[in-house]
Amino acid sequence: MKRFMLPLLLSIYLLPAQAQKRYSGDFSFAAGLNLGFPVGDFSDSHSVGLGFTLEPEYHVNNMFSIYGSTGFTNFFGKTVDLPLGADYRYKDQGMIPIVAGPKINIAPQFFLGAKLGVAILTGAAEGTGFNYQPQLGYEANKFIIDFGYNGISKDNSTLSSFSLDVLYKFN
């Protein structure tokens, strides 16, 4: 038990120092690629989504920050077979999120985040909708990988997808 306690106490003491050392200033910026996977009714009409993400972040302290994102993701419309041998292809669905929210470091390199805002829709459904994005991610010195859910509510329906972002940090 004593062999276990010394490394545990050292790691508890050193982890906050490593997390604080990670930030060189109050602001940081990341950009990268986004991959979306439609779920629910949205997956009936659309397949994979590809896009890019821009993400500014203000570090309040070593455990908490405020971050936002914007970018563009295009979900490709599926082709479905209709009766009498006809095919129908759904129009692509584009999404431009404008969201922000808190980001909490749950461990030196892992975080939980939740962003709220609007999404501008282009293509199949046009207009704006309420956008919410809970996320779980891994952050290293030069990159961020996050996995999350993206829900856009508009006209009593929701366009739902899971997303995977791989971002390069410019700090």
N, C-alpha and C. Protein backbone atom coordinates (compact mmCIF):
# COMPACT_ATOMS: atom_id res chain seq x y z
N MET A 1 0.82 -1.19 0.00
CA MET A 1 0.00 0.00 0.00
C MET A 1 0.86 1.26 0.00
N LYS A 2 2.01 1.21 0.73
CA LYS A 2 2.89 2.36 0.80
C LYS A 2 3.49 2.66 -0.58
N ARG A 3 3.80 1.63 -1.35
CA ARG A 3 4.34 1.82 -2.70
C ARG A 3 3.34 2.54 -3.59
N PHE A 4 2.09 2.32 -3.36
CA PHE A 4 1.04 2.94 -4.16
C PHE A 4 0.79 4.39 -3.74
N MET A 5 0.87 4.69 -2.46
CA MET A 5 0.53 6.01 -1.95
C MET A 5 1.50 7.10 -2.39
N LEU A 6 2.79 6.82 -2.39
CA LEU A 6 3.76 7.85 -2.77
C LEU A 6 3.57 8.32 -4.21
N PRO A 7 3.48 7.42 -5.20
CA PRO A 7 3.21 7.90 -6.57
C PRO A 7 1.87 8.61 -6.70
N LEU A 8 0.87 8.15 -5.97
CA LEU A 8 -0.44 8.80 -6.02
C LEU A 8 -0.36 10.22 -5.48
N LEU A 9 0.28 10.40 -4.35
CA LEU A 9 0.40 11.74 -3.77
C LEU A 9 1.23 12.66 -4.66
N LEU A 10 2.30 12.15 -5.25
CA LEU A 10 3.10 12.95 -6.17
C LEU A 10 2.30 13.37 -7.39
N SER A 11 1.51 12.46 -7.94
CA SER A 11 0.71 12.81 -9.13
C SER A 11 -0.36 13.84 -8.79
N ILE A 12 -0.97 13.73 -7.62
CA ILE A 12 -1.97 14.72 -7.22
C ILE A 12 -1.32 16.09 -7.06
N TYR A 13 -0.11 16.13 -6.55
CA TYR A 13 0.60 17.38 -6.37
C TYR A 13 1.05 17.98 -7.70
N LEU A 14 1.50 17.14 -8.64
CA LEU A 14 2.07 17.62 -9.89
C LEU A 14 1.04 17.88 -10.98
N LEU A 15 -0.12 17.26 -10.94
CA LEU A 15 -1.11 17.43 -12.01
C LEU A 15 -1.56 18.87 -12.17
N PRO A 16 -1.90 19.60 -11.12
CA PRO A 16 -2.28 21.00 -11.32
C PRO A 16 -1.16 21.84 -11.93
N ALA A 17 0.08 21.56 -11.57
CA ALA A 17 1.20 22.31 -12.15
C ALA A 17 1.31 22.04 -13.64
N GLN A 18 1.11 20.81 -14.06
CA GLN A 18 1.17 20.48 -15.49
C GLN A 18 0.02 21.14 -16.24
N ALA A 19 -1.16 21.14 -15.66
CA ALA A 19 -2.30 21.74 -16.34
C ALA A 19 -2.11 23.25 -16.48
N GLN A 20 -1.59 23.89 -15.45
CA GLN A 20 -1.38 25.33 -15.51
C GLN A 20 -0.26 25.67 -16.49
N LYS A 21 0.76 24.86 -16.56
CA LYS A 21 1.88 25.08 -17.46
C LYS A 21 1.45 24.98 -18.92
N ARG A 22 0.38 24.27 -19.18
CA ARG A 22 -0.08 24.03 -20.54
C ARG A 22 -0.49 25.31 -21.25
N TYR A 23 -0.95 26.32 -20.54
CA TYR A 23 -1.45 27.54 -21.16
C TYR A 23 -0.39 28.63 -21.11
N SER A 24 -0.10 29.21 -22.27
CA SER A 24 0.90 30.26 -22.33
C SER A 24 0.27 31.65 -22.24
N GLY A 25 -1.03 31.76 -22.38
CA GLY A 25 -1.71 33.05 -22.33
C GLY A 25 -3.18 32.86 -22.03
N ASP A 26 -3.91 33.96 -22.06
CA ASP A 26 -5.32 33.90 -21.74
C ASP A 26 -6.18 33.42 -22.90
N PHE A 27 -5.73 33.61 -24.13
CA PHE A 27 -6.50 33.21 -25.30
C PHE A 27 -5.76 32.15 -26.10
N SER A 28 -6.51 31.28 -26.74
CA SER A 28 -5.93 30.33 -27.70
C SER A 28 -6.91 30.16 -28.85
N PHE A 29 -6.44 29.56 -29.91
CA PHE A 29 -7.25 29.38 -31.10
C PHE A 29 -6.90 28.04 -31.72
N ALA A 30 -7.92 27.32 -32.21
CA ALA A 30 -7.71 26.03 -32.87
C ALA A 30 -8.57 25.97 -34.12
N ALA A 31 -8.12 25.21 -35.09
CA ALA A 31 -8.87 25.02 -36.34
C ALA A 31 -8.61 23.61 -36.84
N GLY A 32 -9.61 23.03 -37.51
CA GLY A 32 -9.42 21.69 -38.02
C GLY A 32 -10.62 21.15 -38.74
N LEU A 33 -10.65 19.83 -38.86
CA LEU A 33 -11.67 19.13 -39.62
C LEU A 33 -12.75 18.55 -38.73
N ASN A 34 -13.94 18.46 -39.30
CA ASN A 34 -15.11 17.94 -38.60
C ASN A 34 -15.71 16.80 -39.41
N LEU A 35 -16.06 15.73 -38.72
CA LEU A 35 -16.72 14.59 -39.34
C LEU A 35 -18.02 14.37 -38.58
N GLY A 36 -19.16 14.35 -39.29
CA GLY A 36 -20.47 14.20 -38.65
C GLY A 36 -21.16 12.92 -39.07
N PHE A 37 -21.89 12.34 -38.12
CA PHE A 37 -22.63 11.10 -38.36
C PHE A 37 -24.08 11.32 -37.95
N PRO A 38 -25.00 11.49 -38.93
CA PRO A 38 -26.40 11.75 -38.59
C PRO A 38 -27.02 10.60 -37.80
N VAL A 39 -27.92 10.95 -36.88
CA VAL A 39 -28.67 9.95 -36.10
C VAL A 39 -30.15 10.33 -36.13
N GLY A 40 -30.99 9.39 -35.74
CA GLY A 40 -32.43 9.63 -35.73
C GLY A 40 -33.00 9.78 -37.14
N ASP A 41 -34.04 10.59 -37.27
CA ASP A 41 -34.68 10.79 -38.57
C ASP A 41 -33.73 11.41 -39.59
N PHE A 42 -32.78 12.20 -39.11
CA PHE A 42 -31.81 12.84 -40.01
C PHE A 42 -30.98 11.81 -40.76
N SER A 43 -30.73 10.65 -40.14
CA SER A 43 -29.94 9.60 -40.81
C SER A 43 -30.72 8.89 -41.91
N ASP A 44 -32.05 9.04 -41.92
CA ASP A 44 -32.84 8.45 -43.01
C ASP A 44 -32.61 9.17 -44.33
N SER A 45 -32.30 10.46 -44.27
CA SER A 45 -32.18 11.25 -45.49
C SER A 45 -30.76 11.69 -45.82
N HIS A 46 -29.85 11.62 -44.84
CA HIS A 46 -28.51 12.13 -45.08
C HIS A 46 -27.45 11.16 -44.54
N SER A 47 -26.30 11.16 -45.22
CA SER A 47 -25.19 10.31 -44.80
C SER A 47 -24.15 11.17 -44.08
N VAL A 48 -22.94 10.81 -44.18
CA VAL A 48 -21.84 11.46 -43.47
C VAL A 48 -21.74 12.96 -43.77
N GLY A 49 -21.25 13.70 -42.78
CA GLY A 49 -21.01 15.12 -42.95
C GLY A 49 -19.52 15.42 -42.86
N LEU A 50 -19.04 16.30 -43.71
CA LEU A 50 -17.64 16.73 -43.70
C LEU A 50 -17.58 18.23 -43.61
N GLY A 51 -16.61 18.74 -42.85
CA GLY A 51 -16.50 20.18 -42.74
C GLY A 51 -15.26 20.62 -41.99
N PHE A 52 -15.26 21.88 -41.59
CA PHE A 52 -14.15 22.46 -40.83
C PHE A 52 -14.70 23.22 -39.64
N THR A 53 -13.86 23.39 -38.62
CA THR A 53 -14.24 24.08 -37.40
C THR A 53 -13.17 25.09 -37.01
N LEU A 54 -13.61 26.26 -36.56
CA LEU A 54 -12.75 27.30 -36.00
C LEU A 54 -13.16 27.48 -34.55
N GLU A 55 -12.19 27.46 -33.62
CA GLU A 55 -12.54 27.43 -32.20
C GLU A 55 -11.65 28.36 -31.36
N PRO A 56 -12.14 29.55 -30.99
CA PRO A 56 -11.41 30.40 -30.04
C PRO A 56 -11.72 29.96 -28.61
N GLU A 57 -10.78 30.26 -27.70
CA GLU A 57 -10.98 29.86 -26.30
C GLU A 57 -10.33 30.88 -25.37
N TYR A 58 -11.04 31.25 -24.32
CA TYR A 58 -10.51 32.13 -23.29
C TYR A 58 -10.35 31.31 -22.02
N HIS A 59 -9.12 31.22 -21.51
CA HIS A 59 -8.81 30.42 -20.33
C HIS A 59 -8.99 31.26 -19.07
N VAL A 60 -10.01 30.93 -18.29
CA VAL A 60 -10.27 31.65 -17.03
C VAL A 60 -9.23 31.23 -16.00
N ASN A 61 -9.00 29.93 -15.86
CA ASN A 61 -7.95 29.38 -15.01
C ASN A 61 -7.56 28.02 -15.57
N ASN A 62 -6.78 27.24 -14.82
CA ASN A 62 -6.30 25.98 -15.38
C ASN A 62 -7.38 24.89 -15.43
N MET A 63 -8.55 25.13 -14.84
CA MET A 63 -9.62 24.13 -14.85
C MET A 63 -10.83 24.54 -15.67
N PHE A 64 -10.96 25.82 -16.00
CA PHE A 64 -12.19 26.32 -16.61
C PHE A 64 -11.87 27.32 -17.71
N SER A 65 -12.60 27.21 -18.81
CA SER A 65 -12.47 28.19 -19.89
C SER A 65 -13.82 28.36 -20.58
N ILE A 66 -13.89 29.42 -21.38
CA ILE A 66 -15.07 29.68 -22.21
C ILE A 66 -14.59 29.50 -23.64
N TYR A 67 -15.30 28.66 -24.39
CA TYR A 67 -14.90 28.43 -25.77
C TYR A 67 -16.10 28.52 -26.70
N GLY A 68 -15.82 28.76 -27.94
CA GLY A 68 -16.87 28.87 -28.94
C GLY A 68 -16.43 28.16 -30.21
N SER A 69 -17.32 28.12 -31.16
CA SER A 69 -16.92 27.56 -32.46
C SER A 69 -17.86 28.03 -33.55
N THR A 70 -17.31 28.02 -34.74
CA THR A 70 -18.05 28.24 -35.95
C THR A 70 -17.36 27.41 -37.03
N GLY A 71 -17.89 27.42 -38.20
CA GLY A 71 -17.32 26.63 -39.29
C GLY A 71 -18.40 26.28 -40.28
N PHE A 72 -18.23 25.18 -40.95
CA PHE A 72 -19.23 24.71 -41.91
C PHE A 72 -19.13 23.20 -42.02
N THR A 73 -20.26 22.52 -41.98
CA THR A 73 -20.31 21.07 -42.20
C THR A 73 -21.40 20.79 -43.23
N ASN A 74 -21.08 19.98 -44.21
CA ASN A 74 -22.03 19.59 -45.25
C ASN A 74 -22.37 18.11 -45.08
N PHE A 75 -23.66 17.82 -44.86
CA PHE A 75 -24.14 16.44 -44.80
C PHE A 75 -24.68 16.08 -46.19
N PHE A 76 -24.19 15.00 -46.72
CA PHE A 76 -24.55 14.60 -48.08
C PHE A 76 -25.90 13.89 -48.09
N GLY A 77 -26.76 14.30 -49.02
CA GLY A 77 -28.08 13.69 -49.16
C GLY A 77 -28.01 12.28 -49.71
N LYS A 78 -28.86 11.41 -49.20
CA LYS A 78 -28.91 10.02 -49.67
C LYS A 78 -29.82 9.92 -50.89
N THR A 79 -29.62 8.89 -51.65
CA THR A 79 -30.52 8.54 -52.76
C THR A 79 -31.36 7.35 -52.31
N VAL A 80 -32.69 7.48 -52.44
CA VAL A 80 -33.60 6.41 -52.02
C VAL A 80 -34.39 5.92 -53.23
N ASP A 81 -34.74 4.65 -53.18
CA ASP A 81 -35.56 4.06 -54.24
C ASP A 81 -37.03 4.34 -53.96
N LEU A 82 -37.73 4.83 -54.96
CA LEU A 82 -39.16 5.08 -54.86
C LEU A 82 -39.91 4.00 -55.62
N PRO A 83 -41.20 3.84 -55.35
CA PRO A 83 -41.98 2.86 -56.13
C PRO A 83 -41.94 3.17 -57.62
N LEU A 84 -42.15 2.20 -58.43
CA LEU A 84 -42.16 2.30 -59.89
C LEU A 84 -40.76 2.56 -60.46
N GLY A 85 -39.72 2.18 -59.70
CA GLY A 85 -38.35 2.25 -60.22
C GLY A 85 -37.71 3.61 -60.23
N ALA A 86 -38.33 4.62 -59.67
CA ALA A 86 -37.73 5.95 -59.65
C ALA A 86 -36.81 6.10 -58.44
N ASP A 87 -35.83 6.97 -58.58
CA ASP A 87 -34.92 7.30 -57.48
C ASP A 87 -35.13 8.76 -57.08
N TYR A 88 -34.92 9.01 -55.80
CA TYR A 88 -34.98 10.39 -55.32
C TYR A 88 -33.72 10.67 -54.50
N ARG A 89 -33.08 11.79 -54.79
CA ARG A 89 -31.89 12.17 -54.04
C ARG A 89 -32.20 13.40 -53.20
N TYR A 90 -31.98 13.26 -51.87
CA TYR A 90 -32.17 14.39 -50.97
C TYR A 90 -31.08 15.43 -51.21
N LYS A 91 -31.46 16.70 -51.05
CA LYS A 91 -30.48 17.77 -51.17
C LYS A 91 -29.51 17.72 -50.00
N ASP A 92 -28.26 18.12 -50.24
CA ASP A 92 -27.29 18.22 -49.16
C ASP A 92 -27.78 19.21 -48.11
N GLN A 93 -27.33 19.00 -46.87
CA GLN A 93 -27.69 19.90 -45.77
C GLN A 93 -26.42 20.53 -45.21
N GLY A 94 -26.33 21.85 -45.32
CA GLY A 94 -25.19 22.57 -44.77
C GLY A 94 -25.54 23.19 -43.43
N MET A 95 -24.54 23.27 -42.54
CA MET A 95 -24.75 23.83 -41.21
C MET A 95 -23.58 24.74 -40.84
N ILE A 96 -23.88 25.95 -40.40
CA ILE A 96 -22.89 26.89 -39.91
C ILE A 96 -23.24 27.18 -38.45
N PRO A 97 -22.53 26.56 -37.50
CA PRO A 97 -22.83 26.82 -36.09
C PRO A 97 -22.19 28.12 -35.61
N ILE A 98 -22.87 28.79 -34.71
CA ILE A 98 -22.31 29.94 -34.00
C ILE A 98 -22.67 29.68 -32.54
N VAL A 99 -21.74 29.05 -31.81
CA VAL A 99 -22.02 28.57 -30.46
C VAL A 99 -20.88 28.91 -29.50
N ALA A 100 -21.19 28.95 -28.21
CA ALA A 100 -20.18 29.18 -27.17
C ALA A 100 -20.67 28.58 -25.86
N GLY A 101 -19.74 28.33 -24.95
CA GLY A 101 -20.11 27.79 -23.65
C GLY A 101 -18.92 27.45 -22.79
N PRO A 102 -19.17 26.81 -21.64
CA PRO A 102 -18.09 26.47 -20.72
C PRO A 102 -17.36 25.19 -21.11
N LYS A 103 -16.10 25.15 -20.73
CA LYS A 103 -15.25 23.97 -20.94
C LYS A 103 -14.54 23.70 -19.62
N ILE A 104 -14.71 22.50 -19.08
CA ILE A 104 -14.15 22.15 -17.78
C ILE A 104 -13.15 21.03 -17.96
N ASN A 105 -11.93 21.25 -17.48
CA ASN A 105 -10.90 20.21 -17.53
C ASN A 105 -11.15 19.23 -16.38
N ILE A 106 -11.49 18.00 -16.72
CA ILE A 106 -11.78 16.99 -15.69
C ILE A 106 -10.52 16.23 -15.32
N ALA A 107 -9.48 16.35 -16.12
CA ALA A 107 -8.14 15.80 -15.88
C ALA A 107 -7.20 16.68 -16.70
N PRO A 108 -5.90 16.58 -16.51
CA PRO A 108 -5.00 17.50 -17.22
C PRO A 108 -5.22 17.57 -18.73
N GLN A 109 -5.57 16.50 -19.37
CA GLN A 109 -5.74 16.55 -20.82
C GLN A 109 -7.14 16.19 -21.30
N PHE A 110 -8.08 16.00 -20.40
CA PHE A 110 -9.45 15.64 -20.79
C PHE A 110 -10.41 16.72 -20.33
N PHE A 111 -11.44 16.97 -21.15
CA PHE A 111 -12.38 18.03 -20.82
C PHE A 111 -13.81 17.63 -21.15
N LEU A 112 -14.74 18.32 -20.51
CA LEU A 112 -16.16 18.28 -20.82
C LEU A 112 -16.56 19.69 -21.23
N GLY A 113 -17.38 19.80 -22.26
CA GLY A 113 -17.82 21.11 -22.71
C GLY A 113 -19.27 21.07 -23.12
N ALA A 114 -19.88 22.25 -23.14
CA ALA A 114 -21.27 22.38 -23.58
C ALA A 114 -21.43 23.74 -24.24
N LYS A 115 -21.76 23.74 -25.52
CA LYS A 115 -21.92 24.99 -26.26
C LYS A 115 -23.38 25.14 -26.69
N LEU A 116 -23.85 26.39 -26.63
CA LEU A 116 -25.21 26.74 -27.05
C LEU A 116 -25.13 27.90 -28.02
N GLY A 117 -26.10 27.98 -28.92
CA GLY A 117 -26.15 29.10 -29.84
C GLY A 117 -27.13 28.85 -30.96
N VAL A 118 -26.78 29.30 -32.14
CA VAL A 118 -27.63 29.13 -33.31
C VAL A 118 -26.85 28.40 -34.40
N ALA A 119 -27.59 27.86 -35.34
CA ALA A 119 -27.00 27.27 -36.54
C ALA A 119 -27.72 27.86 -37.74
N ILE A 120 -26.95 28.28 -38.70
CA ILE A 120 -27.51 28.74 -39.97
C ILE A 120 -27.53 27.54 -40.89
N LEU A 121 -28.71 27.22 -41.40
CA LEU A 121 -28.89 26.04 -42.25
C LEU A 121 -28.97 26.44 -43.71
N THR A 122 -28.29 25.68 -44.55
CA THR A 122 -28.34 25.89 -46.00
C THR A 122 -28.66 24.56 -46.66
N GLY A 123 -29.26 24.59 -47.81
CA GLY A 123 -29.55 23.36 -48.54
C GLY A 123 -30.95 22.86 -48.31
N ALA A 124 -31.08 21.61 -47.84
CA ALA A 124 -32.39 20.97 -47.69
C ALA A 124 -33.32 21.75 -46.77
N ALA A 125 -32.85 22.11 -45.60
CA ALA A 125 -33.62 22.95 -44.67
C ALA A 125 -32.87 24.26 -44.54
N GLU A 126 -33.55 25.35 -44.80
CA GLU A 126 -32.90 26.66 -44.73
C GLU A 126 -33.43 27.45 -43.56
N GLY A 127 -32.64 28.41 -43.11
CA GLY A 127 -33.04 29.26 -41.99
C GLY A 127 -32.08 29.10 -40.83
N THR A 128 -32.58 29.36 -39.63
CA THR A 128 -31.76 29.22 -38.43
C THR A 128 -32.48 28.34 -37.42
N GLY A 129 -31.69 27.73 -36.55
CA GLY A 129 -32.24 26.90 -35.50
C GLY A 129 -31.41 27.00 -34.24
N PHE A 130 -32.00 26.60 -33.13
CA PHE A 130 -31.29 26.55 -31.84
C PHE A 130 -30.31 25.39 -31.87
N ASN A 131 -29.04 25.65 -31.52
CA ASN A 131 -27.99 24.65 -31.62
C ASN A 131 -27.41 24.36 -30.24
N TYR A 132 -27.29 23.08 -29.88
CA TYR A 132 -26.65 22.68 -28.62
C TYR A 132 -25.67 21.56 -28.89
N GLN A 133 -24.50 21.64 -28.22
CA GLN A 133 -23.40 20.72 -28.48
C GLN A 133 -22.68 20.32 -27.19
N PRO A 134 -23.08 19.25 -26.51
CA PRO A 134 -22.25 18.73 -25.42
C PRO A 134 -21.07 17.95 -26.02
N GLN A 135 -19.89 18.05 -25.36
CA GLN A 135 -18.69 17.41 -25.90
C GLN A 135 -17.83 16.79 -24.80
N LEU A 136 -17.03 15.82 -25.20
CA LEU A 136 -16.00 15.21 -24.39
C LEU A 136 -14.75 15.21 -25.25
N GLY A 137 -13.62 15.64 -24.70
CA GLY A 137 -12.45 15.74 -25.55
C GLY A 137 -11.13 15.49 -24.87
N TYR A 138 -10.11 15.38 -25.72
CA TYR A 138 -8.72 15.20 -25.31
C TYR A 138 -7.93 16.36 -25.90
N GLU A 139 -7.13 17.02 -25.05
CA GLU A 139 -6.36 18.18 -25.50
C GLU A 139 -4.89 17.98 -25.18
N ALA A 140 -4.05 17.98 -26.21
CA ALA A 140 -2.60 17.89 -26.05
C ALA A 140 -2.01 19.27 -26.32
N ASN A 141 -0.71 19.36 -26.37
CA ASN A 141 -0.06 20.66 -26.57
C ASN A 141 -0.40 21.29 -27.92
N LYS A 142 -0.50 20.49 -28.98
CA LYS A 142 -0.70 21.05 -30.32
C LYS A 142 -1.99 20.62 -31.00
N PHE A 143 -2.78 19.75 -30.38
CA PHE A 143 -4.03 19.34 -31.03
C PHE A 143 -5.12 19.04 -30.01
N ILE A 144 -6.35 19.03 -30.52
CA ILE A 144 -7.53 18.71 -29.74
C ILE A 144 -8.35 17.70 -30.53
N ILE A 145 -8.83 16.68 -29.85
CA ILE A 145 -9.76 15.72 -30.44
C ILE A 145 -10.99 15.72 -29.56
N ASP A 146 -12.15 16.01 -30.14
CA ASP A 146 -13.35 15.97 -29.32
C ASP A 146 -14.47 15.21 -30.03
N PHE A 147 -15.28 14.58 -29.21
CA PHE A 147 -16.43 13.80 -29.67
C PHE A 147 -17.65 14.41 -29.01
N GLY A 148 -18.70 14.62 -29.77
CA GLY A 148 -19.88 15.24 -29.19
C GLY A 148 -21.15 14.95 -29.94
N TYR A 149 -22.20 15.51 -29.41
CA TYR A 149 -23.53 15.42 -30.02
C TYR A 149 -23.87 16.83 -30.50
N ASN A 150 -24.48 16.92 -31.66
CA ASN A 150 -24.91 18.21 -32.19
C ASN A 150 -26.40 18.12 -32.49
N GLY A 151 -27.18 18.93 -31.80
CA GLY A 151 -28.62 18.97 -32.04
C GLY A 151 -29.03 20.36 -32.51
N ILE A 152 -29.77 20.42 -33.59
CA ILE A 152 -30.27 21.69 -34.10
C ILE A 152 -31.79 21.58 -34.17
N SER A 153 -32.46 22.37 -33.33
CA SER A 153 -33.92 22.35 -33.27
C SER A 153 -34.48 23.48 -34.13
N LYS A 154 -35.39 23.09 -35.03
CA LYS A 154 -36.03 24.07 -35.92
C LYS A 154 -37.41 23.54 -36.30
N ASP A 155 -38.42 24.35 -36.15
CA ASP A 155 -39.78 24.01 -36.57
C ASP A 155 -40.25 22.66 -36.03
N ASN A 156 -40.12 22.46 -34.72
CA ASN A 156 -40.57 21.24 -34.05
C ASN A 156 -39.89 19.97 -34.54
N SER A 157 -38.70 20.08 -35.11
CA SER A 157 -37.92 18.90 -35.47
C SER A 157 -36.47 19.16 -35.09
N THR A 158 -35.68 18.11 -35.03
CA THR A 158 -34.28 18.23 -34.65
C THR A 158 -33.41 17.49 -35.65
N LEU A 159 -32.38 18.18 -36.14
CA LEU A 159 -31.34 17.56 -36.95
C LEU A 159 -30.25 17.12 -35.97
N SER A 160 -30.08 15.82 -35.79
CA SER A 160 -29.17 15.29 -34.77
C SER A 160 -28.01 14.57 -35.42
N SER A 161 -26.82 14.76 -34.83
CA SER A 161 -25.64 14.05 -35.32
C SER A 161 -24.60 13.94 -34.22
N PHE A 162 -23.77 12.93 -34.34
CA PHE A 162 -22.57 12.82 -33.52
C PHE A 162 -21.44 13.40 -34.35
N SER A 163 -20.50 14.04 -33.67
CA SER A 163 -19.41 14.67 -34.41
C SER A 163 -18.07 14.30 -33.82
N LEU A 164 -17.07 14.30 -34.67
CA LEU A 164 -15.68 14.09 -34.29
C LEU A 164 -14.87 15.22 -34.90
N ASP A 165 -14.22 16.00 -34.04
CA ASP A 165 -13.39 17.12 -34.48
C ASP A 165 -11.93 16.80 -34.19
N VAL A 166 -11.06 17.09 -35.14
CA VAL A 166 -9.63 17.02 -34.95
C VAL A 166 -9.09 18.40 -35.29
N LEU A 167 -8.57 19.08 -34.25
CA LEU A 167 -8.18 20.49 -34.38
C LEU A 167 -6.70 20.67 -34.07
N TYR A 168 -6.07 21.60 -34.79
CA TYR A 168 -4.69 22.00 -34.54
C TYR A 168 -4.72 23.29 -33.71
N LYS A 169 -3.93 23.35 -32.65
CA LYS A 169 -3.91 24.52 -31.77
C LYS A 169 -2.84 25.51 -32.22
N PHE A 170 -3.23 26.77 -32.37
CA PHE A 170 -2.33 27.85 -32.68
C PHE A 170 -2.15 28.66 -31.40
N ASN A 171 -1.12 28.38 -30.61
CA ASN A 171 -0.92 29.16 -29.38
C ASN A 171 0.51 29.50 -29.15
